[in-house]
Amino acid sequence: MINSVYNYYLSTYAGKQLTKYDSHKKSDLKDIYNNIVNISKKSPLYLINNTESIHKRAIDLKETARDMNNIVSSFDSSIDQNGIYGKKIAASDNENVLEVSYIGDKDEAVSPELNIKVNRLASPQINVGEYLPDSSCKLPAGSYTFDMRIASNTYEFQFNINKEDTNTAIQKKIARLFNRSGIGVDANLISSPSGNKALEIRSQATGIVEYTGETFTISPSKDENSSKLISYFGLDNIANMPENASFNINGLDETSTTNTFTVNKEFEITLKDVTSADDDPVHISFKQDIETLIDSTSELTDGYNNILKLVRNKEDQSYESDKLANEILSIVKRNRSELESCGIKIDSDGYLSIDKAVMSQAAEEDGIESIYKSLEDFKGNIQSKANHISIDPMNFVNKTLISYPNPVRQYANPYVTSIYTGMMYNGYV
């Protein structure tokens, strides 16, 4: 019998990934032992049906309760000084103009808030060639080359024009050369209202690089037909010169070659649009980390629901499900008003769910701290019950009372918890 119980434990729970809350000191294991001894002193003598089902349910109860205990520990760690209270979430009051994220050290002093006016976005260089009809190319057939210079590098492109090639076919051929080169430009065809097509060449980089003005230049190679090719297709026609982003932060004018940049190694800002002269500056401040609050609380309610679901298994009559279920439900009933005030709903069966809108509103109005204070009693009661279940799950299985303990003199009694649970505290070793 005991072999099958251990096999069940090993196959069901031993392979679970441990968390940092499963690491304990020797004193923790000693406390567990002392608790088991104290329980055995006060416990009556029972006769328990020696069935495999009861043994498995005891293990299920202990492991589910231990998971619940770890969840509570994780919830507690999220509200210490290095957790949710210390986490900084930067927010923009106009995300149509700019987005922001905090990349600094959460343990540093509170960073200053920013007010930003966006005068100009960083833009790439764009060349737009000649608009040509989709008819035969007027250039003679043959091999053509041209050069493109980007930064300090010069690249040579070469391709052939056939007699039957149309203007559009050659434009597509040149666009493929650029797009496959991987040198930092993108090319595509654009159309005019009349249906003629031109080659658009756009630099992937924005801003003015090294004050040269142009990000890239297209020039003829030594081939005598190269100049004719560039002129015919207008490859060197600059439609838009690259520009740096221009903005004002707290009254100081700044520039950037890109629309995404960092400020004081604390904020990563992405510009999306400009502000007009009449617009107020975009205000960057810190907001409460409501998403982490919701995630942490969801883990807490899920852990509670898992225990309740386990003990409410009506198909399994191996343990006193009603007794334990009522004890768990009583915790929710005692804390109903606090739970509902912070957005935790209780259904007719006692299961918990989170109304994110209500919780977010409560956090915005009263602060995240108020949510945690509202959950303090519920969390503590659940953890206490989880500890009780984990230490003595045999208390909740079907059994027959034989005799009460001696009320005058209590002594340690090796009890069934030692067999089925006390020797299985793998998370404490």
Protein backbone atom coordinates (compact mmCIF):
# COMPACT_ATOMS: atom_id res chain seq x y z
CA MET A 1 0.00 0.00 0.00
CA ILE A 2 2.66 2.50 1.01
CA ASN A 3 4.57 1.83 -2.22
CA SER A 4 1.59 2.82 -4.33
CA VAL A 5 1.19 6.02 -2.30
CA TYR A 6 4.80 6.99 -2.83
CA ASN A 7 4.54 6.13 -6.52
CA TYR A 8 1.53 8.39 -6.79
CA TYR A 9 3.41 11.19 -5.07
CA LEU A 10 6.49 10.80 -7.26
CA SER A 11 4.53 10.65 -10.52
CA THR A 12 2.18 13.53 -9.67
CA TYR A 13 4.17 16.03 -7.63
CA ALA A 14 7.87 15.20 -7.42
CA GLY A 15 8.54 16.53 -10.92
CA LYS A 16 7.04 19.95 -10.26
CA GLN A 17 9.39 22.87 -10.69
CA LEU A 18 10.32 24.33 -7.33
CA THR A 19 10.14 28.05 -6.64
CA LYS A 20 12.33 30.20 -4.44
CA TYR A 21 9.66 29.86 -1.74
CA ASP A 22 10.40 26.12 -1.56
CA SER A 23 13.89 26.87 -0.26
CA HIS A 24 14.00 26.88 3.52
CA LYS A 25 16.35 26.95 6.45
CA LYS A 26 16.86 24.06 8.85
CA SER A 27 14.82 25.95 11.40
CA ASP A 28 11.80 25.84 9.06
CA LEU A 29 11.95 22.07 8.89
CA LYS A 30 12.30 21.92 12.66
CA ASP A 31 9.19 24.09 13.04
CA ILE A 32 7.27 21.69 10.82
CA TYR A 33 8.36 18.77 12.96
CA ASN A 34 7.39 20.56 16.18
CA ASN A 35 3.97 21.41 14.76
CA ILE A 36 3.34 17.78 13.87
CA VAL A 37 4.35 16.70 17.38
CA ASN A 38 2.06 19.31 18.98
CA ILE A 39 -0.85 18.22 16.82
CA SER A 40 -0.32 14.59 17.76
CA LYS A 41 -0.47 15.50 21.48
CA LYS A 42 -3.92 17.05 21.14
CA SER A 43 -5.38 14.73 18.55
CA PRO A 44 -7.86 11.96 19.38
CA LEU A 45 -7.16 8.43 18.27
CA TYR A 46 -8.86 7.68 14.96
CA LEU A 47 -9.42 4.64 12.85
CA ILE A 48 -8.81 5.55 9.22
CA ASN A 49 -9.85 3.35 6.35
CA ASN A 50 -6.57 2.10 4.97
CA THR A 51 -7.40 2.73 1.32
CA GLU A 52 -5.25 4.00 -1.49
CA SER A 53 -7.82 6.68 -2.27
CA ILE A 54 -7.54 8.26 1.18
CA HIS A 55 -3.76 8.27 1.04
CA LYS A 56 -3.74 9.96 -2.36
CA ARG A 57 -6.25 12.59 -1.26
CA ALA A 58 -4.08 13.43 1.74
CA ILE A 59 -1.16 14.05 -0.57
CA ASP A 60 -3.34 16.14 -2.90
CA LEU A 61 -4.48 18.28 0.00
CA LYS A 62 -0.97 18.78 1.35
CA GLU A 63 0.54 19.71 -2.02
CA THR A 64 -2.30 22.05 -3.00
CA ALA A 65 -2.06 23.75 0.38
CA ARG A 66 1.71 24.11 -0.02
CA ASP A 67 1.17 25.74 -3.42
CA MET A 68 -1.28 28.13 -1.77
CA ASN A 69 1.28 28.98 0.88
CA ASN A 70 3.86 29.76 -1.79
CA ILE A 71 1.39 31.99 -3.61
CA VAL A 72 0.78 33.98 -0.45
CA SER A 73 4.53 34.31 0.07
CA SER A 74 4.90 35.54 -3.50
CA PHE A 75 2.06 37.99 -2.94
CA ASP A 76 3.78 39.33 0.17
CA SER A 77 7.07 39.80 -1.66
CA SER A 78 5.33 41.90 -4.31
CA ILE A 79 4.50 44.60 -1.78
CA ASP A 80 7.82 45.04 -0.02
CA GLN A 81 10.17 47.89 -0.81
CA ASN A 82 11.66 46.04 -3.77
CA GLY A 83 8.30 44.95 -5.12
CA ILE A 84 5.27 46.71 -6.45
CA TYR A 85 5.64 49.81 -4.28
CA GLY A 86 9.19 50.29 -5.52
CA LYS A 87 8.43 49.62 -9.17
CA LYS A 88 8.18 52.75 -11.28
CA ILE A 89 5.84 52.94 -14.25
CA ALA A 90 6.27 56.00 -16.44
CA ALA A 91 3.18 57.37 -18.17
CA SER A 92 2.55 59.92 -20.91
CA ASP A 93 -0.62 61.98 -20.73
CA ASN A 94 -0.77 62.06 -24.55
CA GLU A 95 0.33 58.78 -26.11
CA ASN A 96 -0.68 60.04 -29.55
CA VAL A 97 2.32 62.37 -29.38
CA LEU A 98 4.83 60.24 -27.47
CA GLU A 99 5.19 56.99 -25.56
CA VAL A 100 7.48 56.49 -22.59
CA SER A 101 8.85 53.65 -20.48
CA TYR A 102 10.99 53.78 -17.36
CA ILE A 103 14.38 52.03 -17.75
CA GLY A 104 16.16 53.38 -14.68
CA ASP A 105 16.89 51.82 -11.32
CA LYS A 106 13.73 51.48 -9.27
CA ASP A 107 15.74 51.87 -6.07
CA GLU A 108 17.01 55.32 -6.98
CA ALA A 109 15.46 58.50 -5.67
CA VAL A 110 12.24 59.63 -7.32
CA SER A 111 13.02 60.95 -10.79
CA PRO A 112 11.81 64.36 -11.91
CA GLU A 113 8.71 64.59 -14.04
CA LEU A 114 9.11 65.84 -17.62
CA ASN A 115 7.21 68.24 -19.86
CA ILE A 116 7.95 67.79 -23.56
CA LYS A 117 7.02 69.80 -26.65
CA VAL A 118 7.69 68.06 -29.98
CA ASN A 119 8.60 70.46 -32.78
CA ARG A 120 9.69 68.01 -35.47
CA LEU A 121 10.03 64.26 -35.92
CA ALA A 122 13.22 62.67 -37.16
CA SER A 123 12.77 61.74 -40.81
CA PRO A 124 14.66 59.61 -43.35
CA GLN A 125 16.06 60.63 -46.72
CA ILE A 126 13.65 59.84 -49.53
CA ASN A 127 14.52 59.81 -53.23
CA VAL A 128 11.64 59.72 -55.71
CA GLY A 129 12.51 58.96 -59.31
CA GLU A 130 10.85 59.94 -62.57
CA TYR A 131 7.25 58.88 -63.15
CA LEU A 132 7.29 56.68 -66.25
CA PRO A 133 4.60 54.80 -68.17
CA ASP A 134 4.59 51.02 -68.30
CA SER A 135 5.93 50.93 -71.82
CA SER A 136 9.17 49.90 -73.50
CA CYS A 137 12.30 51.37 -71.94
CA LYS A 138 14.07 53.92 -74.13
CA LEU A 139 17.49 52.93 -72.83
CA PRO A 140 19.43 50.51 -75.02
CA ALA A 141 19.73 46.90 -73.91
CA GLY A 142 22.91 45.98 -72.10
CA SER A 143 24.67 45.90 -68.74
CA TYR A 144 24.33 48.87 -66.38
CA THR A 145 26.03 49.83 -63.13
CA PHE A 146 25.75 52.65 -60.58
CA ASP A 147 27.16 53.44 -57.14
CA MET A 148 25.47 54.17 -53.81
CA ARG A 149 27.39 55.72 -50.94
CA ILE A 150 26.13 55.31 -47.37
CA ALA A 151 28.24 56.78 -44.57
CA SER A 152 31.82 55.87 -45.49
CA ASN A 153 30.91 52.84 -47.61
CA THR A 154 30.36 52.73 -51.37
CA TYR A 155 28.40 49.92 -53.01
CA GLU A 156 28.21 49.08 -56.72
CA PHE A 157 25.01 47.75 -58.26
CA GLN A 158 24.89 45.96 -61.60
CA PHE A 159 22.04 44.56 -63.68
CA ASN A 160 20.98 43.98 -67.29
CA ILE A 161 18.31 45.62 -69.42
CA ASN A 162 16.77 43.41 -72.07
CA LYS A 163 15.11 44.58 -75.27
CA GLU A 164 11.63 43.50 -74.14
CA ASP A 165 11.89 45.10 -70.66
CA THR A 166 9.38 47.81 -69.80
CA ASN A 167 10.03 50.79 -67.54
CA THR A 168 8.06 49.17 -64.73
CA ALA A 169 9.93 45.88 -65.06
CA ILE A 170 13.28 47.66 -64.76
CA GLN A 171 12.06 49.76 -61.80
CA LYS A 172 11.05 46.55 -60.02
CA LYS A 173 14.43 45.04 -60.85
CA ILE A 174 16.27 48.01 -59.30
CA ALA A 175 13.98 47.92 -56.23
CA ARG A 176 14.84 44.25 -55.68
CA LEU A 177 18.54 45.09 -55.85
CA PHE A 178 18.16 47.64 -53.05
CA ASN A 179 15.89 45.51 -50.87
CA ARG A 180 18.12 42.44 -51.10
CA SER A 181 21.34 44.34 -50.47
CA GLY A 182 20.78 44.85 -46.74
CA ILE A 183 22.72 48.12 -46.69
CA GLY A 184 20.08 50.26 -44.98
CA VAL A 185 17.67 51.36 -47.71
CA ASP A 186 14.19 50.24 -48.75
CA ALA A 187 12.74 50.67 -52.23
CA ASN A 188 9.28 50.33 -53.71
CA LEU A 189 7.19 51.63 -56.59
CA ILE A 190 4.68 54.46 -56.18
CA SER A 191 2.04 55.57 -58.67
CA SER A 192 0.88 58.95 -59.94
CA PRO A 193 -2.81 59.80 -60.54
CA SER A 194 -2.25 59.04 -64.24
CA GLY A 195 -0.93 55.57 -63.47
CA ASN A 196 2.73 56.22 -64.16
CA LYS A 197 5.17 54.68 -61.71
CA ALA A 198 8.29 55.97 -59.97
CA LEU A 199 10.93 54.32 -57.83
CA GLU A 200 10.94 55.49 -54.19
CA ILE A 201 14.17 54.88 -52.25
CA ARG A 202 14.01 55.46 -48.49
CA SER A 203 16.81 55.28 -45.92
CA GLN A 204 16.10 53.08 -42.92
CA ALA A 205 18.00 55.48 -40.67
CA THR A 206 16.56 58.84 -39.72
CA GLY A 207 18.29 62.08 -38.90
CA ILE A 208 21.38 63.85 -40.14
CA VAL A 209 24.44 61.62 -39.86
CA GLU A 210 27.75 63.35 -39.16
CA TYR A 211 26.38 66.62 -40.54
CA THR A 212 26.84 65.45 -44.14
CA GLY A 213 23.28 66.32 -45.01
CA GLU A 214 22.47 63.30 -47.15
CA THR A 215 22.19 59.81 -45.70
CA PHE A 216 22.95 58.22 -49.06
CA THR A 217 24.01 59.40 -52.51
CA ILE A 218 23.55 57.67 -55.86
CA SER A 219 26.15 58.47 -58.50
CA PRO A 220 27.30 57.17 -61.88
CA SER A 221 30.00 54.54 -62.04
CA LYS A 222 32.72 54.46 -64.67
CA ASP A 223 30.28 52.86 -67.10
CA GLU A 224 29.39 55.41 -69.78
CA ASN A 225 25.72 54.36 -69.69
CA SER A 226 25.49 54.86 -65.92
CA SER A 227 24.70 58.58 -66.10
CA LYS A 228 21.93 57.93 -68.63
CA LEU A 229 20.41 55.28 -66.37
CA ILE A 230 20.39 57.55 -63.29
CA SER A 231 18.95 60.46 -65.25
CA TYR A 232 16.29 58.37 -67.03
CA PHE A 233 14.91 56.82 -63.86
CA GLY A 234 15.72 59.84 -61.63
CA LEU A 235 17.52 57.73 -59.03
CA ASP A 236 19.30 60.75 -57.54
CA ASN A 237 16.21 62.97 -57.17
CA ILE A 238 16.01 63.85 -53.45
CA ALA A 239 12.38 64.41 -52.43
CA ASN A 240 12.99 64.64 -48.68
CA MET A 241 16.23 65.50 -46.91
CA PRO A 242 16.82 63.70 -43.59
CA GLU A 243 16.12 65.73 -40.47
CA ASN A 244 16.76 65.35 -36.77
CA ALA A 245 13.94 65.28 -34.26
CA SER A 246 13.55 68.59 -32.48
CA PHE A 247 11.89 68.86 -29.08
CA ASN A 248 11.92 70.79 -25.85
CA ILE A 249 12.28 69.10 -22.44
CA ASN A 250 11.48 71.20 -19.39
CA GLY A 251 12.35 74.37 -21.30
CA LEU A 252 15.58 73.09 -22.90
CA ASP A 253 15.83 72.58 -26.68
CA GLU A 254 17.13 69.16 -27.70
CA THR A 255 17.64 67.15 -30.90
CA SER A 256 17.94 63.47 -31.75
CA THR A 257 18.76 61.58 -34.94
CA THR A 258 16.01 59.07 -34.10
CA ASN A 259 12.48 59.28 -32.76
CA THR A 260 13.35 56.85 -29.95
CA PHE A 261 15.91 58.02 -27.42
CA THR A 262 16.71 57.98 -23.71
CA VAL A 263 16.69 60.82 -21.20
CA ASN A 264 19.09 60.72 -18.24
CA LYS A 265 19.36 56.92 -18.62
CA GLU A 266 15.94 56.73 -16.97
CA PHE A 267 13.29 57.21 -19.64
CA GLU A 268 12.99 55.69 -23.10
CA ILE A 269 10.84 58.00 -25.19
CA THR A 270 9.36 57.38 -28.64
CA LEU A 271 8.06 60.42 -30.53
CA LYS A 272 4.98 59.78 -32.67
CA ASP A 273 3.66 63.23 -33.61
CA VAL A 274 4.37 66.94 -33.20
CA THR A 275 2.68 69.39 -30.85
CA SER A 276 1.38 72.71 -32.12
CA ALA A 277 2.26 76.05 -30.59
CA ASP A 278 -1.11 76.14 -28.81
CA ASP A 279 -0.84 72.61 -27.38
CA ASP A 280 0.20 72.01 -23.80
CA PRO A 281 3.44 70.08 -23.32
CA VAL A 282 3.13 66.34 -22.97
CA HIS A 283 3.49 65.52 -19.28
CA ILE A 284 5.48 62.45 -18.20
CA SER A 285 4.92 61.25 -14.66
CA PHE A 286 4.80 58.02 -12.67
CA LYS A 287 1.70 55.93 -12.20
CA GLN A 288 0.88 52.97 -9.99
CA ASP A 289 1.59 49.53 -11.39
CA ILE A 290 -1.99 48.32 -11.54
CA GLU A 291 -1.23 45.44 -13.92
CA THR A 292 1.17 43.86 -11.43
CA LEU A 293 -1.44 44.34 -8.71
CA ILE A 294 -4.04 42.50 -10.81
CA ASP A 295 -1.61 39.70 -11.72
CA SER A 296 -0.57 39.16 -8.08
CA THR A 297 -4.17 39.16 -6.88
CA SER A 298 -5.19 36.77 -9.67
CA GLU A 299 -2.59 34.26 -8.47
CA LEU A 300 -3.98 34.59 -4.95
CA THR A 301 -7.59 34.00 -6.01
CA ASP A 302 -6.58 31.14 -8.34
CA GLY A 303 -4.81 29.40 -5.46
CA TYR A 304 -7.92 29.75 -3.30
CA ASN A 305 -10.12 28.42 -6.12
CA ASN A 306 -7.84 25.39 -6.59
CA ILE A 307 -8.21 24.37 -2.96
CA LEU A 308 -11.97 24.86 -3.02
CA LYS A 309 -12.28 22.87 -6.25
CA LEU A 310 -10.26 20.01 -4.78
CA VAL A 311 -12.32 19.69 -1.60
CA ARG A 312 -15.60 20.07 -3.51
CA ASN A 313 -15.02 16.95 -5.57
CA LYS A 314 -18.30 15.20 -4.82
CA GLU A 315 -17.22 12.08 -6.70
CA ASP A 316 -14.47 11.44 -4.17
CA GLN A 317 -15.87 10.35 -0.81
CA SER A 318 -12.47 9.61 0.72
CA TYR A 319 -12.36 12.73 2.85
CA GLU A 320 -14.65 15.13 4.67
CA SER A 321 -15.10 17.54 1.80
CA ASP A 322 -18.01 19.44 3.32
CA LYS A 323 -16.14 20.15 6.54
CA LEU A 324 -13.10 21.60 4.81
CA ALA A 325 -15.15 23.41 2.17
CA ASN A 326 -17.21 25.12 4.85
CA GLU A 327 -14.09 26.20 6.70
CA ILE A 328 -12.63 27.68 3.50
CA LEU A 329 -15.91 29.37 2.54
CA SER A 330 -16.17 30.93 5.98
CA ILE A 331 -12.96 32.84 5.27
CA VAL A 332 -14.55 34.43 2.20
CA LYS A 333 -17.76 35.23 4.06
CA ARG A 334 -15.85 37.00 6.83
CA ASN A 335 -13.98 39.11 4.28
CA ARG A 336 -16.77 39.60 1.71
CA SER A 337 -17.06 43.38 2.03
CA GLU A 338 -13.30 43.94 1.80
CA LEU A 339 -12.98 41.63 -1.21
CA GLU A 340 -15.87 43.18 -3.11
CA SER A 341 -14.67 46.72 -2.41
CA CYS A 342 -11.44 46.05 -4.28
CA GLY A 343 -12.98 44.25 -7.26
CA ILE A 344 -12.95 40.59 -6.20
CA LYS A 345 -16.29 38.97 -7.02
CA ILE A 346 -17.71 35.94 -5.20
CA ASP A 347 -20.02 33.65 -7.16
CA SER A 348 -22.81 31.52 -5.74
CA ASP A 349 -20.46 28.55 -5.24
CA GLY A 350 -17.88 30.59 -3.37
CA TYR A 351 -15.31 30.84 -6.17
CA LEU A 352 -13.46 34.12 -6.67
CA SER A 353 -12.85 36.17 -9.81
CA ILE A 354 -11.44 39.64 -10.43
CA ASP A 355 -13.28 42.54 -12.02
CA LYS A 356 -10.29 44.37 -13.50
CA ALA A 357 -12.25 47.57 -14.10
CA VAL A 358 -13.40 47.79 -10.48
CA MET A 359 -9.95 46.94 -9.10
CA SER A 360 -8.27 49.48 -11.39
CA GLN A 361 -10.73 52.18 -10.37
CA ALA A 362 -10.26 51.39 -6.68
CA ALA A 363 -6.48 51.54 -7.07
CA GLU A 364 -6.67 54.84 -8.95
CA GLU A 365 -8.97 56.43 -6.38
CA ASP A 366 -7.58 55.04 -3.13
CA GLY A 367 -4.09 53.88 -4.09
CA ILE A 368 -2.62 50.43 -4.47
CA GLU A 369 -1.79 50.35 -0.77
CA SER A 370 -5.51 50.35 0.06
CA ILE A 371 -6.05 47.23 -2.06
CA TYR A 372 -3.36 45.33 -0.21
CA LYS A 373 -4.69 46.46 3.15
CA SER A 374 -8.16 45.25 2.16
CA LEU A 375 -6.71 41.84 1.29
CA GLU A 376 -4.56 41.55 4.42
CA ASP A 377 -7.07 39.64 6.58
CA PHE A 378 -8.17 37.38 3.73
CA LYS A 379 -4.57 36.58 2.83
CA GLY A 380 -3.61 35.85 6.43
CA ASN A 381 -6.63 33.59 7.01
CA ILE A 382 -6.01 31.66 3.80
CA GLN A 383 -2.36 31.16 4.67
CA SER A 384 -3.26 29.97 8.16
CA LYS A 385 -5.73 27.46 6.72
CA ALA A 386 -3.19 26.32 4.12
CA ASN A 387 -0.63 25.71 6.86
CA HIS A 388 -3.19 23.74 8.84
CA ILE A 389 -4.04 21.56 5.85
CA SER A 390 -0.41 21.07 4.91
CA ILE A 391 0.60 19.97 8.41
CA ASP A 392 -2.34 17.64 9.06
CA PRO A 393 -4.31 16.74 5.92
CA MET A 394 -5.45 13.52 7.61
CA ASN A 395 -7.68 15.70 9.76
CA PHE A 396 -9.93 16.11 6.72
CA VAL A 397 -10.34 12.50 5.59
CA ASN A 398 -13.17 10.19 6.62
CA LYS A 399 -12.33 8.41 9.86
CA THR A 400 -13.85 6.90 12.98
CA LEU A 401 -13.10 8.36 16.41
CA ILE A 402 -11.80 5.76 18.85
CA SER A 403 -10.82 7.76 21.95
CA TYR A 404 -10.03 11.28 23.05
CA PRO A 405 -6.55 12.24 24.30
CA ASN A 406 -5.78 12.25 28.00
CA PRO A 407 -6.89 15.72 29.23
CA VAL A 408 -4.57 15.53 32.25
CA ARG A 409 -1.35 14.48 30.65
CA GLN A 410 -0.52 15.01 27.00
CA TYR A 411 2.31 13.22 25.28
CA ALA A 412 3.64 12.96 21.77
CA ASN A 413 1.95 10.28 19.74
CA PRO A 414 3.33 9.03 16.41
CA TYR A 415 0.38 9.78 14.23
CA VAL A 416 -0.62 9.11 10.64
CA THR A 417 0.53 12.57 9.55
CA SER A 418 4.10 11.33 9.99
CA ILE A 419 3.52 8.48 7.57
CA TYR A 420 1.63 10.21 4.82
CA THR A 421 2.73 13.81 5.04
CA GLY A 422 5.45 14.42 7.59
CA MET A 423 7.95 12.37 5.62
CA MET A 424 7.10 14.12 2.36
CA TYR A 425 8.17 17.67 3.01
CA ASN A 426 10.45 17.67 0.00
CA GLY A 427 10.06 21.44 -0.31
CA TYR A 428 11.69 21.91 3.09
CA VAL A 429 14.78 19.73 2.60
